Amino acid sequence: MSMSLADRVLYLAYDPGISPKGGGLPGLSVLKNVVSSINMFGIIAVVGALAVSLAVWAWGHHTGGHQAEANGKKGAVVAAGAALGLGAANGIVAFFSALGSQVQ
């Protein structure tokens, strides 16, 4: 059965009435716990990466190792960015989810 172009446009514009709801599936609280734990693990790993990067930066600076110093700086910036992303992950997803729900 072939649909006309107008029928396809109307079909795409149809609102199915679906929105995110909590509590619909079993195990949602377990999934939230797992994701929160992964986020905490990531933050702890970033703290370690930042400490190592800062140590490499300092070591490179004091020994005259310009490559080590540059790598330490890059590592510190990447670790800081990762910490920013991990800390803001929930807010970023909530922002874009709210923004996406406004699309009509």
N, C-alpha and C. Protein backbone atom coordinates (compact mmCIF):
# COMPACT_ATOMS: atom_id res chain seq x y z
N MET A 1 0.84 -1.17 0.00
CA MET A 1 0.00 0.00 0.00
C MET A 1 0.89 1.24 0.00
N SER A 2 0.75 2.06 -1.02
CA SER A 2 1.57 3.24 -1.18
C SER A 2 0.84 4.45 -0.61
N MET A 3 1.60 5.30 0.10
CA MET A 3 1.02 6.51 0.68
C MET A 3 1.40 7.70 -0.18
N SER A 4 0.49 8.64 -0.28
CA SER A 4 0.79 9.87 -1.01
C SER A 4 1.72 10.74 -0.16
N LEU A 5 2.31 11.72 -0.78
CA LEU A 5 3.22 12.62 -0.07
C LEU A 5 2.50 13.35 1.05
N ALA A 6 1.29 13.80 0.80
CA ALA A 6 0.51 14.50 1.83
C ALA A 6 0.23 13.59 3.01
N ASP A 7 -0.09 12.31 2.73
CA ASP A 7 -0.34 11.37 3.82
C ASP A 7 0.93 11.12 4.63
N ARG A 8 2.07 11.08 3.96
CA ARG A 8 3.34 10.88 4.68
C ARG A 8 3.64 12.06 5.59
N VAL A 9 3.40 13.28 5.12
CA VAL A 9 3.63 14.47 5.94
C VAL A 9 2.70 14.46 7.14
N LEU A 10 1.43 14.13 6.92
CA LEU A 10 0.49 14.05 8.04
C LEU A 10 0.90 12.96 9.02
N TYR A 11 1.40 11.85 8.51
CA TYR A 11 1.84 10.76 9.37
C TYR A 11 3.03 11.20 10.22
N LEU A 12 3.97 11.96 9.64
CA LEU A 12 5.12 12.44 10.38
C LEU A 12 4.71 13.49 11.41
N ALA A 13 3.68 14.26 11.12
CA ALA A 13 3.24 15.31 12.03
C ALA A 13 2.34 14.78 13.13
N TYR A 14 1.95 13.52 13.06
CA TYR A 14 1.08 12.94 14.07
C TYR A 14 1.80 12.86 15.40
N ASP A 15 1.13 13.30 16.46
CA ASP A 15 1.69 13.25 17.80
C ASP A 15 1.32 11.91 18.44
N PRO A 16 2.30 11.04 18.69
CA PRO A 16 1.98 9.75 19.28
C PRO A 16 1.63 9.83 20.76
N GLY A 17 1.89 10.97 21.41
CA GLY A 17 1.53 11.14 22.82
C GLY A 17 2.46 10.40 23.78
N ILE A 18 3.70 10.21 23.39
CA ILE A 18 4.65 9.49 24.23
C ILE A 18 5.56 10.50 24.92
N SER A 19 5.72 10.33 26.24
CA SER A 19 6.64 11.18 27.00
C SER A 19 7.32 10.31 28.06
N PRO A 20 8.51 10.69 28.50
CA PRO A 20 9.23 9.88 29.48
C PRO A 20 8.48 9.82 30.81
N LYS A 21 8.41 8.64 31.39
CA LYS A 21 7.76 8.45 32.69
C LYS A 21 8.64 7.55 33.54
N GLY A 22 8.72 7.86 34.80
CA GLY A 22 9.44 7.01 35.73
C GLY A 22 8.53 5.94 36.30
N GLY A 23 9.09 4.81 36.64
CA GLY A 23 8.33 3.75 37.29
C GLY A 23 7.61 2.81 36.36
N GLY A 24 7.76 2.96 35.06
CA GLY A 24 7.05 2.10 34.12
C GLY A 24 7.70 0.74 33.95
N LEU A 25 8.99 0.68 34.14
CA LEU A 25 9.71 -0.58 33.97
C LEU A 25 10.36 -0.99 35.28
N PRO A 26 10.42 -2.28 35.54
CA PRO A 26 11.11 -2.72 36.76
C PRO A 26 12.62 -2.51 36.60
N GLY A 27 13.27 -2.23 37.70
CA GLY A 27 14.72 -2.08 37.67
C GLY A 27 15.20 -0.67 37.40
N LEU A 28 14.30 0.30 37.34
CA LEU A 28 14.71 1.67 37.07
C LEU A 28 15.60 2.21 38.18
N SER A 29 15.27 1.91 39.41
CA SER A 29 16.09 2.39 40.53
C SER A 29 17.48 1.74 40.51
N VAL A 30 17.54 0.48 40.09
CA VAL A 30 18.84 -0.20 39.98
C VAL A 30 19.67 0.45 38.88
N LEU A 31 19.05 0.76 37.75
CA LEU A 31 19.76 1.41 36.66
C LEU A 31 20.28 2.78 37.08
N LYS A 32 19.46 3.54 37.80
CA LYS A 32 19.91 4.85 38.30
C LYS A 32 21.10 4.68 39.24
N ASN A 33 21.05 3.67 40.08
CA ASN A 33 22.17 3.39 40.99
C ASN A 33 23.44 3.05 40.22
N VAL A 34 23.32 2.23 39.19
CA VAL A 34 24.49 1.83 38.40
C VAL A 34 25.09 3.04 37.69
N VAL A 35 24.26 3.86 37.08
CA VAL A 35 24.76 5.03 36.36
C VAL A 35 25.40 6.02 37.32
N SER A 36 24.80 6.21 38.49
CA SER A 36 25.40 7.10 39.50
C SER A 36 26.75 6.58 39.95
N SER A 37 26.85 5.28 40.11
CA SER A 37 28.13 4.68 40.52
C SER A 37 29.19 4.83 39.43
N ILE A 38 28.79 4.66 38.18
CA ILE A 38 29.73 4.85 37.06
C ILE A 38 30.21 6.30 37.03
N ASN A 39 29.30 7.24 37.25
CA ASN A 39 29.66 8.66 37.27
C ASN A 39 30.65 8.93 38.41
N MET A 40 30.41 8.37 39.59
CA MET A 40 31.32 8.56 40.72
C MET A 40 32.68 7.94 40.43
N PHE A 41 32.70 6.76 39.83
CA PHE A 41 33.95 6.11 39.45
C PHE A 41 34.72 7.00 38.48
N GLY A 42 34.03 7.58 37.52
CA GLY A 42 34.67 8.48 36.55
C GLY A 42 35.26 9.70 37.22
N ILE A 43 34.54 10.28 38.17
CA ILE A 43 35.05 11.46 38.87
C ILE A 43 36.30 11.11 39.68
N ILE A 44 36.29 9.97 40.34
CA ILE A 44 37.46 9.54 41.11
C ILE A 44 38.65 9.30 40.18
N ALA A 45 38.40 8.69 39.02
CA ALA A 45 39.47 8.46 38.05
C ALA A 45 40.03 9.78 37.53
N VAL A 46 39.18 10.77 37.35
CA VAL A 46 39.62 12.08 36.87
C VAL A 46 40.50 12.76 37.92
N VAL A 47 40.17 12.59 39.19
CA VAL A 47 41.01 13.16 40.24
C VAL A 47 42.42 12.57 40.17
N GLY A 48 42.51 11.25 39.97
CA GLY A 48 43.81 10.61 39.82
C GLY A 48 44.54 11.08 38.58
N ALA A 49 43.82 11.20 37.48
CA ALA A 49 44.44 11.66 36.23
C ALA A 49 44.93 13.10 36.37
N LEU A 50 44.17 13.92 37.05
CA LEU A 50 44.59 15.31 37.26
C LEU A 50 45.84 15.37 38.12
N ALA A 51 45.89 14.57 39.17
CA ALA A 51 47.07 14.56 40.04
C ALA A 51 48.31 14.12 39.27
N VAL A 52 48.19 13.06 38.47
CA VAL A 52 49.32 12.58 37.67
C VAL A 52 49.74 13.64 36.65
N SER A 53 48.78 14.24 35.98
CA SER A 53 49.09 15.26 34.98
C SER A 53 49.80 16.46 35.59
N LEU A 54 49.34 16.89 36.75
CA LEU A 54 49.99 18.01 37.41
C LEU A 54 51.41 17.66 37.85
N ALA A 55 51.60 16.42 38.30
CA ALA A 55 52.94 15.98 38.68
C ALA A 55 53.86 15.94 37.46
N VAL A 56 53.37 15.44 36.33
CA VAL A 56 54.17 15.40 35.11
C VAL A 56 54.49 16.81 34.64
N TRP A 57 53.52 17.71 34.74
CA TRP A 57 53.74 19.11 34.37
C TRP A 57 54.86 19.72 35.22
N ALA A 58 54.76 19.53 36.54
CA ALA A 58 55.78 20.07 37.45
C ALA A 58 57.14 19.44 37.19
N TRP A 59 57.18 18.12 37.03
CA TRP A 59 58.43 17.42 36.78
C TRP A 59 59.07 17.91 35.47
N GLY A 60 58.27 18.05 34.43
CA GLY A 60 58.77 18.53 33.15
C GLY A 60 59.29 19.95 33.24
N HIS A 61 58.62 20.76 34.03
CA HIS A 61 59.04 22.16 34.17
C HIS A 61 60.38 22.25 34.90
N HIS A 62 60.52 21.49 35.96
CA HIS A 62 61.73 21.59 36.78
C HIS A 62 62.92 20.86 36.19
N THR A 63 62.71 19.91 35.31
CA THR A 63 63.83 19.21 34.69
C THR A 63 64.15 19.72 33.30
N GLY A 64 63.36 20.65 32.82
CA GLY A 64 63.59 21.19 31.48
C GLY A 64 63.06 20.30 30.37
N GLY A 65 62.23 19.35 30.73
CA GLY A 65 61.63 18.46 29.73
C GLY A 65 60.39 19.12 29.14
N HIS A 66 60.58 19.79 28.03
CA HIS A 66 59.48 20.57 27.46
C HIS A 66 58.34 19.67 26.98
N GLN A 67 58.67 18.48 26.46
CA GLN A 67 57.63 17.57 26.00
C GLN A 67 56.80 17.07 27.18
N ALA A 68 57.45 16.72 28.27
CA ALA A 68 56.74 16.27 29.47
C ALA A 68 55.88 17.39 30.03
N GLU A 69 56.42 18.59 30.02
CA GLU A 69 55.66 19.73 30.52
C GLU A 69 54.40 19.96 29.67
N ALA A 70 54.55 19.90 28.36
CA ALA A 70 53.41 20.09 27.46
C ALA A 70 52.38 18.98 27.65
N ASN A 71 52.85 17.74 27.81
CA ASN A 71 51.91 16.63 28.02
C ASN A 71 51.19 16.76 29.36
N GLY A 72 51.91 17.24 30.36
CA GLY A 72 51.26 17.46 31.66
C GLY A 72 50.18 18.52 31.57
N LYS A 73 50.47 19.59 30.83
CA LYS A 73 49.46 20.65 30.65
C LYS A 73 48.24 20.11 29.92
N LYS A 74 48.49 19.36 28.84
CA LYS A 74 47.35 18.78 28.09
C LYS A 74 46.54 17.85 28.96
N GLY A 75 47.21 17.03 29.74
CA GLY A 75 46.50 16.11 30.63
C GLY A 75 45.67 16.83 31.66
N ALA A 76 46.21 17.93 32.20
CA ALA A 76 45.47 18.70 33.20
C ALA A 76 44.22 19.34 32.58
N VAL A 77 44.36 19.84 31.37
CA VAL A 77 43.21 20.46 30.71
C VAL A 77 42.15 19.40 30.37
N VAL A 78 42.61 18.25 29.89
CA VAL A 78 41.66 17.18 29.56
C VAL A 78 40.96 16.68 30.82
N ALA A 79 41.71 16.51 31.90
CA ALA A 79 41.10 16.06 33.16
C ALA A 79 40.10 17.08 33.69
N ALA A 80 40.44 18.36 33.58
CA ALA A 80 39.50 19.39 34.02
C ALA A 80 38.23 19.38 33.17
N GLY A 81 38.40 19.20 31.87
CA GLY A 81 37.23 19.11 30.99
C GLY A 81 36.37 17.89 31.29
N ALA A 82 37.04 16.77 31.57
CA ALA A 82 36.29 15.56 31.91
C ALA A 82 35.54 15.74 33.23
N ALA A 83 36.16 16.39 34.20
CA ALA A 83 35.47 16.66 35.46
C ALA A 83 34.26 17.56 35.25
N LEU A 84 34.43 18.56 34.39
CA LEU A 84 33.31 19.44 34.07
C LEU A 84 32.17 18.66 33.43
N GLY A 85 32.51 17.81 32.47
CA GLY A 85 31.49 17.02 31.79
C GLY A 85 30.79 16.03 32.71
N LEU A 86 31.56 15.35 33.56
CA LEU A 86 30.96 14.39 34.48
C LEU A 86 30.08 15.08 35.52
N GLY A 87 30.55 16.21 36.02
CA GLY A 87 29.76 16.93 37.02
C GLY A 87 28.50 17.55 36.44
N ALA A 88 28.56 17.93 35.19
CA ALA A 88 27.42 18.61 34.56
C ALA A 88 26.54 17.68 33.74
N ALA A 89 26.87 16.39 33.71
CA ALA A 89 26.15 15.46 32.84
C ALA A 89 24.64 15.47 33.09
N ASN A 90 24.24 15.40 34.32
CA ASN A 90 22.81 15.36 34.64
C ASN A 90 22.13 16.66 34.20
N GLY A 91 22.76 17.79 34.47
CA GLY A 91 22.18 19.07 34.08
C GLY A 91 22.12 19.25 32.58
N ILE A 92 23.16 18.79 31.87
CA ILE A 92 23.17 18.90 30.40
C ILE A 92 22.04 18.06 29.80
N VAL A 93 21.90 16.84 30.27
CA VAL A 93 20.84 15.97 29.75
C VAL A 93 19.47 16.55 30.10
N ALA A 94 19.30 17.05 31.32
CA ALA A 94 18.02 17.64 31.71
C ALA A 94 17.70 18.87 30.86
N PHE A 95 18.71 19.69 30.59
CA PHE A 95 18.50 20.90 29.77
C PHE A 95 18.04 20.53 28.38
N PHE A 96 18.76 19.62 27.72
CA PHE A 96 18.39 19.28 26.34
C PHE A 96 17.11 18.45 26.28
N SER A 97 16.82 17.69 27.32
CA SER A 97 15.55 16.97 27.36
C SER A 97 14.38 17.95 27.46
N ALA A 98 14.54 18.96 28.31
CA ALA A 98 13.49 19.99 28.43
C ALA A 98 13.37 20.78 27.14
N LEU A 99 14.50 21.07 26.51
CA LEU A 99 14.48 21.79 25.25
C LEU A 99 13.80 20.95 24.16
N GLY A 100 14.11 19.66 24.14
CA GLY A 100 13.51 18.77 23.15
C GLY A 100 12.02 18.59 23.35
N SER A 101 11.56 18.66 24.60
CA SER A 101 10.13 18.49 24.85
C SER A 101 9.33 19.70 24.38
N GLN A 102 10.00 20.82 24.11
CA GLN A 102 9.31 22.01 23.65
C GLN A 102 9.11 22.02 22.14
N VAL A 103 9.77 21.10 21.42
CA VAL A 103 9.64 21.04 19.97
C VAL A 103 8.24 20.55 19.62
N GLN A 104 7.62 21.24 18.70
CA GLN A 104 6.26 20.84 18.30
C GLN A 104 6.19 20.65 16.82
